[in-house]
Amino acid sequence: MKHGPENHGRPNRRAVLFLLSSVLLLLGPTLAWGYIDPGSGSYLIQLLLAFFFGSLFVMKNFWKRAVRKIDGLFRRHNSDENPPRNP
């Protein structure tokens, strides 16, 4: 995407897309009646549970990494106390 004088007065694609989508949303129906069938409801519950457990997994990994970094800051690195072991 070009910016500045190279644009030659052409409208920005994002601005045109935003304007077009706004107009289409405003011209759409104001009321829509619908229902959620059992299959859609169970899929929605599955999405919510996946998001919840996925968030827990990400937070767990972030927490482990943060604790490891903080632990590394306060750990002593004396070669006399803990000599390297050869497996």
Protein backbone atom coordinates (compact mmCIF):
# COMPACT_ATOMS: atom_id res chain seq x y z
CA MET A 1 0.00 0.00 0.00
CA LYS A 2 1.39 3.35 -0.99
CA HIS A 3 1.32 6.39 1.22
CA GLY A 4 2.16 9.99 0.61
CA PRO A 5 2.72 11.66 -2.78
CA GLU A 6 2.98 8.33 -4.65
CA ASN A 7 -0.74 7.74 -4.06
CA HIS A 8 -1.75 10.33 -6.72
CA GLY A 9 -5.04 11.21 -5.06
CA ARG A 10 -6.51 7.70 -5.14
CA PRO A 11 -8.71 6.79 -2.17
CA ASN A 12 -7.29 4.51 0.50
CA ARG A 13 -8.53 0.91 0.09
CA ARG A 14 -9.27 0.54 3.80
CA ALA A 15 -11.34 3.71 3.82
CA VAL A 16 -13.33 2.58 0.77
CA LEU A 17 -13.89 -0.88 2.28
CA PHE A 18 -15.01 0.65 5.58
CA LEU A 19 -17.39 3.06 3.83
CA LEU A 20 -18.85 0.34 1.61
CA SER A 21 -19.40 -2.09 4.49
CA SER A 22 -20.98 0.67 6.62
CA VAL A 23 -23.43 1.53 3.86
CA LEU A 24 -24.33 -2.13 3.34
CA LEU A 25 -24.95 -2.60 7.07
CA LEU A 26 -27.16 0.48 7.22
CA LEU A 27 -29.22 -0.64 4.22
CA GLY A 28 -29.80 -4.12 5.66
CA PRO A 29 -32.91 -5.25 7.50
CA THR A 30 -33.54 -3.76 10.93
CA LEU A 31 -35.20 -6.85 12.43
CA ALA A 32 -34.25 -10.42 11.87
CA TRP A 33 -36.07 -13.30 13.49
CA GLY A 34 -34.17 -16.52 13.90
CA TYR A 35 -33.59 -19.43 16.18
CA ILE A 36 -30.70 -21.51 17.39
CA ASP A 37 -31.20 -25.17 16.73
CA PRO A 38 -29.64 -27.79 19.04
CA GLY A 39 -26.70 -28.37 16.70
CA SER A 40 -25.83 -24.66 16.62
CA GLY A 41 -26.24 -24.37 20.38
CA SER A 42 -23.90 -27.27 21.06
CA TYR A 43 -21.38 -25.86 18.57
CA LEU A 44 -21.53 -22.49 20.36
CA ILE A 45 -20.95 -24.20 23.72
CA GLN A 46 -18.03 -26.12 22.20
CA LEU A 47 -16.50 -22.86 20.92
CA LEU A 48 -16.84 -21.20 24.31
CA LEU A 49 -15.27 -24.17 26.11
CA ALA A 50 -12.41 -24.33 23.59
CA PHE A 51 -11.77 -20.61 24.06
CA PHE A 52 -11.81 -20.99 27.85
CA PHE A 53 -9.46 -23.98 28.01
CA GLY A 54 -7.23 -22.53 25.30
CA SER A 55 -6.92 -19.33 27.34
CA LEU A 56 -6.00 -21.37 30.42
CA PHE A 57 -3.30 -23.19 28.43
CA VAL A 58 -1.83 -19.91 27.13
CA MET A 59 -1.84 -18.36 30.61
CA LYS A 60 -0.16 -21.47 32.06
CA ASN A 61 2.62 -21.33 29.49
CA PHE A 62 3.06 -17.58 29.97
CA TRP A 63 3.20 -18.01 33.74
CA LYS A 64 5.82 -20.76 33.51
CA ARG A 65 7.96 -18.65 31.20
CA ALA A 66 7.63 -15.58 33.47
CA VAL A 67 8.54 -17.59 36.59
CA ARG A 68 11.53 -19.11 34.79
CA LYS A 69 12.81 -15.65 33.75
CA ILE A 70 12.32 -14.18 37.23
CA ASP A 71 13.96 -17.23 38.80
CA GLY A 72 16.90 -16.80 36.43
CA LEU A 73 17.34 -13.20 37.55
CA PHE A 74 17.70 -14.14 41.23
CA ARG A 75 19.63 -17.41 40.83
CA ARG A 76 23.33 -17.39 41.60
CA HIS A 77 25.60 -18.46 38.81
CA ASN A 78 28.69 -19.57 40.74
CA SER A 79 30.63 -22.30 39.03
CA ASP A 80 32.07 -23.41 42.40
CA GLU A 81 28.71 -24.34 43.96
CA ASN A 82 27.19 -26.29 41.11
CA PRO A 83 29.78 -27.86 38.84
CA PRO A 84 28.42 -29.09 35.49
CA ARG A 85 27.58 -32.77 35.39
CA ASN A 86 28.57 -34.99 32.50
CA PRO A 87 25.83 -37.43 31.53
